[in-house]
Amino acid sequence: MTPAPAPPSALVLAGPTASGKTAAALAIAQRWPIEIISVDSALVYRGMDIGTAKPTHQEQALVPHHLIDIVDPTSSYSTAAFVKDAQVLIADIKQRGRKALLVGGTMLYVKALLNGIDDMPPANTDIRLALDTQANALGWPAMHQRLSLIDPLTAQRLAPNDSQRVQRALEVFEISGKPISQWHTNPQAGSGLNIPLLSLEPDDRAWLHQRIGQRFDAMLEQGFETEMMALYERGDLTPDLPSMRCVGYRQAWTLLDQLGHLGGPAKAMWIERASAATRQLGKRQLTWLRGMTQRHVLAADSPNVGQALLQAVATHWGDAA
């Protein structure tokens, strides 16, 4: 008789922004002995708590969290670094007799961990400077249009003003002559781990948009403006850094450069622009998820999503301890 396969060492809980991942993860933590590994490229930065919807200190005290507050906003954190760190953490957590729950919405991280990551060309300073010069003259939408001619798949996935990723896609093509979409679809090294993917996806897009608006209002009440001003006034940050390209921060930085403050009409503009950018982010995240056919979809806007989620986890990890 063939022995039953061992339970997976980890689960991934993904979903678009504001879909309820943090609350869902904490519900799982009440039933299983888990540690949470963040799968969010914004949560790695210290001092960026409110605008990234980082789990609160109280929430983090309920269950161990990893890959949060690990780099300064002046630094960057790559997909390859995430995969390496996540693999080490999953093994460590398993050795401690616990389960690893990877939670977040950075879909490139999710895909790289589950499907593998190719050895793409490293960053090239000269090419990046040349692309920045061209973008300053033409604008990032024009650079996005250029990308659509050489890599329509990637261009379709990226927003025209997503300067960080548009630049990287153009850079990879300049270096290798190969579209970045081909690098993503031809991975060389998988994680080698059995990691099922649970995905929180709303049936009604309006539900998600409403939650995005409510969450941004809550961020403002919690002091997002003060947090943003402290970052802007540090003196060692620039709008080109990956940290300051995060949704909400990028729009605030632009307004601060233009107007010098975030009060009055500027705040209304910030809310409008950041909310629109967050809705676009959610749309892109859902597009990524729908390409991951192995995922187990849970209706995030269903009143029964909590029960359905726990049942889905139990199919992989068995009854709660």
C-alpha atoms as a PDB file:
ATOM      1  CA  MET A   1       0.000   0.000   0.000  1.00  0.00           C
ATOM      2  CA  THR A   2       1.282   3.444  -0.926  1.00  0.00           C
ATOM      3  CA  PRO A   3       1.758   5.568   2.204  1.00  0.00           C
ATOM      4  CA  ALA A   4      -0.343   8.710   2.479  1.00  0.00           C
ATOM      5  CA  PRO A   5       1.529  11.860   1.475  1.00  0.00           C
ATOM      6  CA  ALA A   6       2.852  13.966   4.307  1.00  0.00           C
ATOM      7  CA  PRO A   7       0.907  17.143   5.086  1.00  0.00           C
ATOM      8  CA  PRO A   8       2.382  20.237   3.447  1.00  0.00           C
ATOM      9  CA  SER A   9       4.956  22.103   5.476  1.00  0.00           C
ATOM     10  CA  ALA A  10       3.315  25.418   4.619  1.00  0.00           C
ATOM     11  CA  LEU A  11       0.268  27.078   3.117  1.00  0.00           C
ATOM     12  CA  VAL A  12       0.041  30.307   1.154  1.00  0.00           C
ATOM     13  CA  LEU A  13      -2.871  32.655   1.841  1.00  0.00           C
ATOM     14  CA  ALA A  14      -2.977  35.257  -0.921  1.00  0.00           C
ATOM     15  CA  GLY A  15      -5.454  37.804  -2.177  1.00  0.00           C
ATOM     16  CA  PRO A  16      -5.784  41.373  -3.401  1.00  0.00           C
ATOM     17  CA  THR A  17      -5.225  44.317  -1.119  1.00  0.00           C
ATOM     18  CA  ALA A  18      -7.961  44.860   1.501  1.00  0.00           C
ATOM     19  CA  SER A  19      -9.428  41.374   1.002  1.00  0.00           C
ATOM     20  CA  GLY A  20      -9.134  40.425   4.674  1.00  0.00           C
ATOM     21  CA  LYS A  21      -5.907  38.405   4.685  1.00  0.00           C
ATOM     22  CA  THR A  22      -4.645  39.618   8.076  1.00  0.00           C
ATOM     23  CA  ALA A  23      -7.885  38.810   9.899  1.00  0.00           C
ATOM     24  CA  ALA A  24      -8.064  35.442   8.139  1.00  0.00           C
ATOM     25  CA  ALA A  25      -4.500  34.593   9.145  1.00  0.00           C
ATOM     26  CA  LEU A  26      -5.201  35.433  12.780  1.00  0.00           C
ATOM     27  CA  ALA A  27      -8.285  33.191  12.689  1.00  0.00           C
ATOM     28  CA  ILE A  28      -6.113  30.334  11.441  1.00  0.00           C
ATOM     29  CA  ALA A  29      -3.611  31.074  14.223  1.00  0.00           C
ATOM     30  CA  GLN A  30      -6.344  30.451  16.793  1.00  0.00           C
ATOM     31  CA  ARG A  31      -6.812  26.904  15.491  1.00  0.00           C
ATOM     32  CA  TRP A  32      -3.356  25.710  14.413  1.00  0.00           C
ATOM     33  CA  PRO A  33       0.172  26.242  15.799  1.00  0.00           C
ATOM     34  CA  ILE A  34       1.472  28.532  13.072  1.00  0.00           C
ATOM     35  CA  GLU A  35       4.014  31.221  12.382  1.00  0.00           C
ATOM     36  CA  ILE A  36       3.240  33.833   9.732  1.00  0.00           C
ATOM     37  CA  ILE A  37       5.660  34.705   6.936  1.00  0.00           C
ATOM     38  CA  SER A  38       4.788  37.991   5.248  1.00  0.00           C
ATOM     39  CA  VAL A  39       4.555  37.874   1.453  1.00  0.00           C
ATOM     40  CA  ASP A  40       4.357  41.635   1.026  1.00  0.00           C
ATOM     41  CA  SER A  41       7.094  43.753  -0.522  1.00  0.00           C
ATOM     42  CA  ALA A  42       5.953  46.845   1.413  1.00  0.00           C
ATOM     43  CA  LEU A  43       5.941  45.306   4.889  1.00  0.00           C
ATOM     44  CA  VAL A  44       9.697  44.712   4.806  1.00  0.00           C
ATOM     45  CA  TYR A  45      10.356  48.436   5.377  1.00  0.00           C
ATOM     46  CA  ARG A  46      10.841  49.868   8.843  1.00  0.00           C
ATOM     47  CA  GLY A  47       8.990  53.076   9.671  1.00  0.00           C
ATOM     48  CA  MET A  48       6.264  52.432   7.095  1.00  0.00           C
ATOM     49  CA  ASP A  49       3.535  51.024   9.299  1.00  0.00           C
ATOM     50  CA  ILE A  50       0.274  52.842   8.665  1.00  0.00           C
ATOM     51  CA  GLY A  51       0.316  53.274   4.900  1.00  0.00           C
ATOM     52  CA  THR A  52       1.265  49.637   4.334  1.00  0.00           C
ATOM     53  CA  ALA A  53      -1.518  48.327   6.614  1.00  0.00           C
ATOM     54  CA  LYS A  54       1.162  46.484   8.564  1.00  0.00           C
ATOM     55  CA  PRO A  55      -0.203  44.150  11.250  1.00  0.00           C
ATOM     56  CA  THR A  56      -0.291  46.065  14.516  1.00  0.00           C
ATOM     57  CA  HIS A  57       2.042  45.298  17.411  1.00  0.00           C
ATOM     58  CA  GLN A  58      -0.937  43.716  19.175  1.00  0.00           C
ATOM     59  CA  GLU A  59      -1.666  41.479  16.178  1.00  0.00           C
ATOM     60  CA  GLN A  60       1.990  40.528  15.822  1.00  0.00           C
ATOM     61  CA  ALA A  61       2.079  39.635  19.515  1.00  0.00           C
ATOM     62  CA  LEU A  62      -0.638  37.015  18.987  1.00  0.00           C
ATOM     63  CA  VAL A  63       1.471  34.894  16.640  1.00  0.00           C
ATOM     64  CA  PRO A  64       5.115  35.058  15.471  1.00  0.00           C
ATOM     65  CA  HIS A  65       5.544  37.106  12.270  1.00  0.00           C
ATOM     66  CA  HIS A  66       8.510  37.068   9.897  1.00  0.00           C
ATOM     67  CA  LEU A  67       9.849  39.271   7.061  1.00  0.00           C
ATOM     68  CA  ILE A  68       8.346  42.429   8.555  1.00  0.00           C
ATOM     69  CA  ASP A  69      10.537  45.465   9.400  1.00  0.00           C
ATOM     70  CA  ILE A  70      13.704  43.861   8.040  1.00  0.00           C
ATOM     71  CA  VAL A  71      15.174  46.669   5.886  1.00  0.00           C
ATOM     72  CA  ASP A  72      15.405  50.457   5.977  1.00  0.00           C
ATOM     73  CA  PRO A  73      13.410  52.410   3.354  1.00  0.00           C
ATOM     74  CA  THR A  74      16.723  53.427   1.768  1.00  0.00           C
ATOM     75  CA  SER A  75      17.330  49.779   0.846  1.00  0.00           C
ATOM     76  CA  SER A  76      15.717  47.353  -1.568  1.00  0.00           C
ATOM     77  CA  TYR A  77      14.561  43.760  -1.156  1.00  0.00           C
ATOM     78  CA  SER A  78      14.469  41.471  -4.166  1.00  0.00           C
ATOM     79  CA  THR A  79      12.223  38.585  -5.139  1.00  0.00           C
ATOM     80  CA  ALA A  80      15.239  36.282  -5.007  1.00  0.00           C
ATOM     81  CA  ALA A  81      15.972  37.425  -1.445  1.00  0.00           C
ATOM     82  CA  PHE A  82      12.368  36.721  -0.473  1.00  0.00           C
ATOM     83  CA  VAL A  83      12.429  33.190  -1.891  1.00  0.00           C
ATOM     84  CA  LYS A  84      15.692  32.409  -0.112  1.00  0.00           C
ATOM     85  CA  ASP A  85      14.495  33.851   3.205  1.00  0.00           C
ATOM     86  CA  ALA A  86      11.092  32.152   2.962  1.00  0.00           C
ATOM     87  CA  GLN A  87      12.616  28.744   2.267  1.00  0.00           C
ATOM     88  CA  VAL A  88      14.882  29.046   5.311  1.00  0.00           C
ATOM     89  CA  LEU A  89      11.996  30.179   7.508  1.00  0.00           C
ATOM     90  CA  ILE A  90       9.686  27.379   6.358  1.00  0.00           C
ATOM     91  CA  ALA A  91      12.337  24.804   7.265  1.00  0.00           C
ATOM     92  CA  ASP A  92      13.021  26.454  10.638  1.00  0.00           C
ATOM     93  CA  ILE A  93       9.327  26.642  11.514  1.00  0.00           C
ATOM     94  CA  LYS A  94       8.829  22.993  10.574  1.00  0.00           C
ATOM     95  CA  GLN A  95      11.774  22.035  12.784  1.00  0.00           C
ATOM     96  CA  ARG A  96      10.067  23.816  15.674  1.00  0.00           C
ATOM     97  CA  GLY A  97       7.039  21.579  15.181  1.00  0.00           C
ATOM     98  CA  ARG A  98       4.845  24.371  13.852  1.00  0.00           C
ATOM     99  CA  LYS A  99       3.206  25.239  10.527  1.00  0.00           C
ATOM    100  CA  ALA A 100       4.206  28.094   8.232  1.00  0.00           C
ATOM    101  CA  LEU A 101       1.462  30.320   6.840  1.00  0.00           C
ATOM    102  CA  LEU A 102       2.675  32.660   4.108  1.00  0.00           C
ATOM    103  CA  VAL A 103       0.339  35.646   3.896  1.00  0.00           C
ATOM    104  CA  GLY A 104       0.320  38.548   1.463  1.00  0.00           C
ATOM    105  CA  GLY A 105      -0.425  40.049  -1.904  1.00  0.00           C
ATOM    106  CA  THR A 106       2.927  40.479  -3.650  1.00  0.00           C
ATOM    107  CA  MET A 107       2.121  38.052  -6.434  1.00  0.00           C
ATOM    108  CA  LEU A 108       5.604  38.010  -7.914  1.00  0.00           C
ATOM    109  CA  TYR A 109       6.819  36.633  -4.577  1.00  0.00           C
ATOM    110  CA  VAL A 110       4.046  34.030  -4.544  1.00  0.00           C
ATOM    111  CA  LYS A 111       4.713  32.904  -8.092  1.00  0.00           C
ATOM    112  CA  ALA A 112       8.474  32.754  -7.577  1.00  0.00           C
ATOM    113  CA  LEU A 113       8.107  30.659  -4.428  1.00  0.00           C
ATOM    114  CA  LEU A 114       5.625  28.213  -5.943  1.00  0.00           C
ATOM    115  CA  ASN A 115       6.925  27.984  -9.510  1.00  0.00           C
ATOM    116  CA  GLY A 116      10.583  28.902  -9.152  1.00  0.00           C
ATOM    117  CA  ILE A 117      12.605  31.915 -10.126  1.00  0.00           C
ATOM    118  CA  ASP A 118      14.908  32.215 -13.088  1.00  0.00           C
ATOM    119  CA  ASP A 119      18.372  33.694 -12.844  1.00  0.00           C
ATOM    120  CA  MET A 120      17.459  37.017 -14.452  1.00  0.00           C
ATOM    121  CA  PRO A 121      20.181  39.543 -15.242  1.00  0.00           C
ATOM    122  CA  PRO A 122      21.183  41.715 -12.265  1.00  0.00           C
ATOM    123  CA  ALA A 123      20.501  45.441 -12.249  1.00  0.00           C
ATOM    124  CA  ASN A 124      22.697  47.544 -14.512  1.00  0.00           C
ATOM    125  CA  THR A 125      23.294  51.078 -13.227  1.00  0.00           C
ATOM    126  CA  ASP A 126      24.180  52.553 -16.626  1.00  0.00           C
ATOM    127  CA  ILE A 127      21.074  51.175 -18.316  1.00  0.00           C
ATOM    128  CA  ARG A 128      18.853  52.328 -15.453  1.00  0.00           C
ATOM    129  CA  LEU A 129      20.265  55.844 -15.624  1.00  0.00           C
ATOM    130  CA  ALA A 130      19.666  55.915 -19.376  1.00  0.00           C
ATOM    131  CA  LEU A 131      16.085  54.729 -18.921  1.00  0.00           C
ATOM    132  CA  ASP A 132      15.505  57.312 -16.172  1.00  0.00           C
ATOM    133  CA  THR A 133      16.796  60.058 -18.474  1.00  0.00           C
ATOM    134  CA  GLN A 134      14.472  58.939 -21.246  1.00  0.00           C
ATOM    135  CA  ALA A 135      11.542  58.711 -18.835  1.00  0.00           C
ATOM    136  CA  ASN A 136      12.196  62.226 -17.522  1.00  0.00           C
ATOM    137  CA  ALA A 137      11.968  63.501 -21.085  1.00  0.00           C
ATOM    138  CA  LEU A 138       9.094  61.361 -22.356  1.00  0.00           C
ATOM    139  CA  GLY A 139       7.192  60.248 -19.257  1.00  0.00           C
ATOM    140  CA  TRP A 140       6.629  56.733 -17.955  1.00  0.00           C
ATOM    141  CA  PRO A 141       3.443  56.177 -20.016  1.00  0.00           C
ATOM    142  CA  ALA A 142       5.588  56.572 -23.140  1.00  0.00           C
ATOM    143  CA  MET A 143       8.104  54.096 -21.727  1.00  0.00           C
ATOM    144  CA  HIS A 144       5.203  51.742 -21.015  1.00  0.00           C
ATOM    145  CA  GLN A 145       4.140  52.090 -24.653  1.00  0.00           C
ATOM    146  CA  ARG A 146       7.668  51.115 -25.701  1.00  0.00           C
ATOM    147  CA  LEU A 147       7.447  48.077 -23.439  1.00  0.00           C
ATOM    148  CA  SER A 148       4.165  47.051 -25.086  1.00  0.00           C
ATOM    149  CA  LEU A 149       6.003  46.715 -28.409  1.00  0.00           C
ATOM    150  CA  ILE A 150       8.676  44.353 -27.083  1.00  0.00           C
ATOM    151  CA  ASP A 151       6.778  42.573 -24.299  1.00  0.00           C
ATOM    152  CA  PRO A 152       2.990  42.989 -24.631  1.00  0.00           C
ATOM    153  CA  LEU A 153       2.283  40.409 -21.910  1.00  0.00           C
ATOM    154  CA  THR A 154       4.200  42.349 -19.281  1.00  0.00           C
ATOM    155  CA  ALA A 155       2.895  45.711 -20.507  1.00  0.00           C
ATOM    156  CA  GLN A 156      -0.683  44.472 -20.159  1.00  0.00           C
ATOM    157  CA  ARG A 157      -0.005  43.471 -16.554  1.00  0.00           C
ATOM    158  CA  LEU A 158       1.663  46.749 -15.513  1.00  0.00           C
ATOM    159  CA  ALA A 159       0.132  50.181 -15.030  1.00  0.00           C
ATOM    160  CA  PRO A 160       1.623  52.888 -17.295  1.00  0.00           C
ATOM    161  CA  ASN A 161       2.963  54.790 -14.273  1.00  0.00           C
ATOM    162  CA  ASP A 162       4.429  51.733 -12.523  1.00  0.00           C
ATOM    163  CA  SER A 163       7.891  53.152 -13.111  1.00  0.00           C
ATOM    164  CA  GLN A 164       9.770  50.592 -11.012  1.00  0.00           C
ATOM    165  CA  ARG A 165       8.485  47.551 -12.877  1.00  0.00           C
ATOM    166  CA  VAL A 166       8.353  49.169 -16.316  1.00  0.00           C
ATOM    167  CA  GLN A 167      11.986  50.179 -15.868  1.00  0.00           C
ATOM    168  CA  ARG A 168      12.993  46.684 -14.754  1.00  0.00           C
ATOM    169  CA  ALA A 169      11.214  45.066 -17.714  1.00  0.00           C
ATOM    170  CA  LEU A 170      12.935  47.400 -20.177  1.00  0.00           C
ATOM    171  CA  GLU A 171      16.261  46.895 -18.413  1.00  0.00           C
ATOM    172  CA  VAL A 172      16.041  43.089 -18.631  1.00  0.00           C
ATOM    173  CA  PHE A 173      15.250  43.302 -22.338  1.00  0.00           C
ATOM    174  CA  GLU A 174      18.132  45.710 -22.932  1.00  0.00           C
ATOM    175  CA  ILE A 175      20.567  43.378 -21.169  1.00  0.00           C
ATOM    176  CA  SER A 176      19.379  40.010 -22.435  1.00  0.00           C
ATOM    177  CA  GLY A 177      17.328  40.664 -25.562  1.00  0.00           C
ATOM    178  CA  LYS A 178      14.667  38.489 -23.922  1.00  0.00           C
ATOM    179  CA  PRO A 179      11.313  39.799 -22.594  1.00  0.00           C
ATOM    180  CA  ILE A 180      10.934  39.550 -18.846  1.00  0.00           C
ATOM    181  CA  SER A 181       7.690  37.597 -19.367  1.00  0.00           C
ATOM    182  CA  GLN A 182       9.763  34.772 -20.879  1.00  0.00           C
ATOM    183  CA  TRP A 183      12.059  34.758 -17.860  1.00  0.00           C
ATOM    184  CA  HIS A 184       8.994  34.457 -15.608  1.00  0.00           C
ATOM    185  CA  THR A 185       7.493  31.563 -17.573  1.00  0.00           C
ATOM    186  CA  ASN A 186      10.713  29.534 -17.795  1.00  0.00           C
ATOM    187  CA  PRO A 187      11.823  29.093 -14.187  1.00  0.00           C
ATOM    188  CA  GLN A 188      14.992  27.157 -13.482  1.00  0.00           C
ATOM    189  CA  ALA A 189      14.680  26.363  -9.805  1.00  0.00           C
ATOM    190  CA  GLY A 190      11.455  25.681  -7.920  1.00  0.00           C
ATOM    191  CA  SER A 191      11.107  25.807  -4.179  1.00  0.00           C
ATOM    192  CA  GLY A 192      10.899  22.026  -3.947  1.00  0.00           C
ATOM    193  CA  LEU A 193       8.177  22.408  -1.327  1.00  0.00           C
ATOM    194  CA  ASN A 194       4.576  21.264  -1.359  1.00  0.00           C
ATOM    195  CA  ILE A 195       2.767  24.552  -0.760  1.00  0.00           C
ATOM    196  CA  PRO A 196      -0.967  24.735  -1.536  1.00  0.00           C
ATOM    197  CA  LEU A 197      -2.335  28.171  -2.427  1.00  0.00           C
ATOM    198  CA  LEU A 198      -5.515  29.530  -0.854  1.00  0.00           C
ATOM    199  CA  SER A 199      -6.801  32.694  -2.498  1.00  0.00           C
ATOM    200  CA  LEU A 200      -9.259  35.246  -1.094  1.00  0.00           C
ATOM    201  CA  GLU A 201     -11.043  36.719  -4.125  1.00  0.00           C
ATOM    202  CA  PRO A 202     -14.241  38.797  -3.965  1.00  0.00           C
ATOM    203  CA  ASP A 203     -17.076  37.973  -6.334  1.00  0.00           C
ATOM    204  CA  ASP A 204     -18.154  41.622  -6.288  1.00  0.00           C
ATOM    205  CA  ARG A 205     -15.451  44.120  -7.265  1.00  0.00           C
ATOM    206  CA  ALA A 206     -17.492  46.943  -5.672  1.00  0.00           C
ATOM    207  CA  TRP A 207     -17.097  45.218  -2.292  1.00  0.00           C
ATOM    208  CA  LEU A 208     -13.328  45.415  -2.624  1.00  0.00           C
ATOM    209  CA  HIS A 209     -13.413  49.042  -3.758  1.00  0.00           C
ATOM    210  CA  GLN A 210     -15.519  49.984  -0.741  1.00  0.00           C
ATOM    211  CA  ARG A 211     -13.083  48.273   1.614  1.00  0.00           C
ATOM    212  CA  ILE A 212     -10.149  50.036  -0.044  1.00  0.00           C
ATOM    213  CA  GLY A 213     -11.810  53.404   0.554  1.00  0.00           C
ATOM    214  CA  GLN A 214     -12.675  52.578   4.140  1.00  0.00           C
ATOM    215  CA  ARG A 215      -9.163  51.365   4.852  1.00  0.00           C
ATOM    216  CA  PHE A 216      -7.545  54.512   3.470  1.00  0.00           C
ATOM    217  CA  ASP A 217      -9.846  56.638   5.628  1.00  0.00           C
ATOM    218  CA  ALA A 218      -8.765  54.564   8.625  1.00  0.00           C
ATOM    219  CA  MET A 219      -5.101  55.060   7.712  1.00  0.00           C
ATOM    220  CA  LEU A 220      -5.581  58.818   7.741  1.00  0.00           C
ATOM    221  CA  GLU A 221      -7.244  58.638  11.157  1.00  0.00           C
ATOM    222  CA  GLN A 222      -4.318  56.563  12.439  1.00  0.00           C
ATOM    223  CA  GLY A 223      -1.781  59.188  11.352  1.00  0.00           C
ATOM    224  CA  PHE A 224      -0.675  58.294   7.832  1.00  0.00           C
ATOM    225  CA  GLU A 225      -0.032  61.967   7.044  1.00  0.00           C
ATOM    226  CA  THR A 226       2.334  62.296  10.017  1.00  0.00           C
ATOM    227  CA  GLU A 227       4.113  59.086   9.024  1.00  0.00           C
ATOM    228  CA  MET A 228       4.497  60.321   5.455  1.00  0.00           C
ATOM    229  CA  MET A 229       5.835  63.715   6.517  1.00  0.00           C
ATOM    230  CA  ALA A 230       8.447  62.052   8.740  1.00  0.00           C
ATOM    231  CA  LEU A 231       9.661  59.978   5.799  1.00  0.00           C
ATOM    232  CA  TYR A 232       9.655  62.954   3.422  1.00  0.00           C
ATOM    233  CA  GLU A 233      11.641  65.083   5.843  1.00  0.00           C
ATOM    234  CA  ARG A 234      14.299  62.459   6.606  1.00  0.00           C
ATOM    235  CA  GLY A 235      16.511  63.778   3.848  1.00  0.00           C
ATOM    236  CA  ASP A 236      17.896  60.424   2.725  1.00  0.00           C
ATOM    237  CA  LEU A 237      14.874  59.161   0.769  1.00  0.00           C
ATOM    238  CA  THR A 238      13.927  59.849  -2.855  1.00  0.00           C
ATOM    239  CA  PRO A 239      10.799  59.092  -4.896  1.00  0.00           C
ATOM    240  CA  ASP A 240      12.788  56.639  -7.020  1.00  0.00           C
ATOM    241  CA  LEU A 241      13.390  54.222  -4.148  1.00  0.00           C
ATOM    242  CA  PRO A 242      11.228  51.070  -4.144  1.00  0.00           C
ATOM    243  CA  SER A 243       9.929  51.977  -0.680  1.00  0.00           C
ATOM    244  CA  MET A 244       8.634  55.363  -1.802  1.00  0.00           C
ATOM    245  CA  ARG A 245       7.012  53.828  -4.866  1.00  0.00           C
ATOM    246  CA  CYS A 246       4.568  51.944  -2.642  1.00  0.00           C
ATOM    247  CA  VAL A 247       0.936  52.877  -3.203  1.00  0.00           C
ATOM    248  CA  GLY A 248      -0.126  55.813  -1.049  1.00  0.00           C
ATOM    249  CA  TYR A 249       3.432  56.948  -0.394  1.00  0.00           C
ATOM    250  CA  ARG A 250       4.163  57.626  -4.054  1.00  0.00           C
ATOM    251  CA  GLN A 251       1.083  59.825  -4.500  1.00  0.00           C
ATOM    252  CA  ALA A 252       1.841  61.717  -1.281  1.00  0.00           C
ATOM    253  CA  TRP A 253       5.447  62.349  -2.309  1.00  0.00           C
ATOM    254  CA  THR A 254       4.364  63.805  -5.647  1.00  0.00           C
ATOM    255  CA  LEU A 255       1.965  66.204  -3.929  1.00  0.00           C
ATOM    256  CA  LEU A 256       4.564  67.216  -1.354  1.00  0.00           C
ATOM    257  CA  ASP A 257       7.011  68.002  -4.148  1.00  0.00           C
ATOM    258  CA  GLN A 258       4.355  70.030  -5.966  1.00  0.00           C
ATOM    259  CA  LEU A 259       2.560  71.760  -3.091  1.00  0.00           C
ATOM    260  CA  GLY A 260       4.740  71.321  -0.022  1.00  0.00           C
ATOM    261  CA  HIS A 261       1.938  69.973   2.177  1.00  0.00           C
ATOM    262  CA  LEU A 262      -0.887  67.433   2.373  1.00  0.00           C
ATOM    263  CA  GLY A 263      -3.575  69.645   3.880  1.00  0.00           C
ATOM    264  CA  GLY A 264      -6.799  71.025   2.445  1.00  0.00           C
ATOM    265  CA  PRO A 265      -7.272  70.334  -1.277  1.00  0.00           C
ATOM    266  CA  ALA A 266      -3.980  68.411  -1.333  1.00  0.00           C
ATOM    267  CA  LYS A 267      -5.409  65.841   1.051  1.00  0.00           C
ATOM    268  CA  ALA A 268      -8.458  65.355  -1.153  1.00  0.00           C
ATOM    269  CA  MET A 269      -6.166  64.856  -4.151  1.00  0.00           C
ATOM    270  CA  TRP A 270      -4.060  62.404  -2.158  1.00  0.00           C
ATOM    271  CA  ILE A 271      -7.113  60.377  -1.168  1.00  0.00           C
ATOM    272  CA  GLU A 272      -8.413  60.297  -4.734  1.00  0.00           C
ATOM    273  CA  ARG A 273      -5.080  59.362  -6.331  1.00  0.00           C
ATOM    274  CA  ALA A 274      -4.048  56.815  -3.721  1.00  0.00           C
ATOM    275  CA  SER A 275      -7.454  55.146  -3.737  1.00  0.00           C
ATOM    276  CA  ALA A 276      -7.434  54.911  -7.529  1.00  0.00           C
ATOM    277  CA  ALA A 277      -3.914  53.461  -7.485  1.00  0.00           C
ATOM    278  CA  THR A 278      -4.932  50.936  -4.838  1.00  0.00           C
ATOM    279  CA  ARG A 279      -7.921  49.841  -6.911  1.00  0.00           C
ATOM    280  CA  GLN A 280      -5.597  49.340  -9.881  1.00  0.00           C
ATOM    281  CA  LEU A 281      -3.247  47.342  -7.658  1.00  0.00           C
ATOM    282  CA  GLY A 282      -6.122  45.107  -6.607  1.00  0.00           C
ATOM    283  CA  LYS A 283      -7.058  44.540 -10.235  1.00  0.00           C
ATOM    284  CA  ARG A 284      -3.497  43.533 -11.117  1.00  0.00           C
ATOM    285  CA  GLN A 285      -3.293  41.213  -8.127  1.00  0.00           C
ATOM    286  CA  LEU A 286      -6.475  39.443  -9.215  1.00  0.00           C
ATOM    287  CA  THR A 287      -5.086  39.085 -12.735  1.00  0.00           C
ATOM    288  CA  TRP A 288      -1.973  37.422 -11.320  1.00  0.00           C
ATOM    289  CA  LEU A 289      -4.034  35.087  -9.158  1.00  0.00           C
ATOM    290  CA  ARG A 290      -6.279  33.967 -11.992  1.00  0.00           C
ATOM    291  CA  GLY A 291      -3.183  32.813 -13.819  1.00  0.00           C
ATOM    292  CA  MET A 292      -2.364  30.463 -10.924  1.00  0.00           C
ATOM    293  CA  THR A 293      -4.724  27.641 -11.803  1.00  0.00           C
ATOM    294  CA  GLN A 294      -3.665  25.497  -8.833  1.00  0.00           C
ATOM    295  CA  ARG A 295      -5.196  27.921  -6.338  1.00  0.00           C
ATOM    296  CA  HIS A 296      -8.168  27.152  -4.078  1.00  0.00           C
ATOM    297  CA  VAL A 297     -10.500  30.148  -4.416  1.00  0.00           C
ATOM    298  CA  LEU A 298     -12.457  31.432  -1.428  1.00  0.00           C
ATOM    299  CA  ALA A 299     -15.070  34.155  -1.914  1.00  0.00           C
ATOM    300  CA  ALA A 300     -13.693  36.972   0.226  1.00  0.00           C
ATOM    301  CA  ASP A 301     -17.038  38.797   0.268  1.00  0.00           C
ATOM    302  CA  SER A 302     -19.078  35.766   1.340  1.00  0.00           C
ATOM    303  CA  PRO A 303     -20.532  35.839   4.863  1.00  0.00           C
ATOM    304  CA  ASN A 304     -19.320  32.250   5.200  1.00  0.00           C
ATOM    305  CA  VAL A 305     -15.732  32.891   4.137  1.00  0.00           C
ATOM    306  CA  GLY A 306     -14.344  32.321   7.639  1.00  0.00           C
ATOM    307  CA  GLN A 307     -15.846  28.853   7.911  1.00  0.00           C
ATOM    308  CA  ALA A 308     -14.853  27.986   4.335  1.00  0.00           C
ATOM    309  CA  LEU A 309     -11.287  29.100   5.010  1.00  0.00           C
ATOM    310  CA  LEU A 310     -10.902  26.945   8.120  1.00  0.00           C
ATOM    311  CA  GLN A 311     -12.341  23.954   6.261  1.00  0.00           C
ATOM    312  CA  ALA A 312      -9.856  24.504   3.430  1.00  0.00           C
ATOM    313  CA  VAL A 313      -6.958  24.676   5.872  1.00  0.00           C
ATOM    314  CA  ALA A 314      -8.177  21.503   7.601  1.00  0.00           C
ATOM    315  CA  THR A 315      -8.046  19.571   4.316  1.00  0.00           C
ATOM    316  CA  HIS A 316      -4.290  20.159   4.288  1.00  0.00           C
ATOM    317  CA  TRP A 317      -3.340  20.292   7.960  1.00  0.00           C
ATOM    318  CA  GLY A 318      -6.015  18.105   9.512  1.00  0.00           C
ATOM    319  CA  ASP A 319      -8.132  18.997  12.495  1.00  0.00           C
ATOM    320  CA  ALA A 320      -6.930  21.852  14.643  1.00  0.00           C
ATOM    321  CA  ALA A 321      -4.560  20.998  17.454  1.00  0.00           C
END
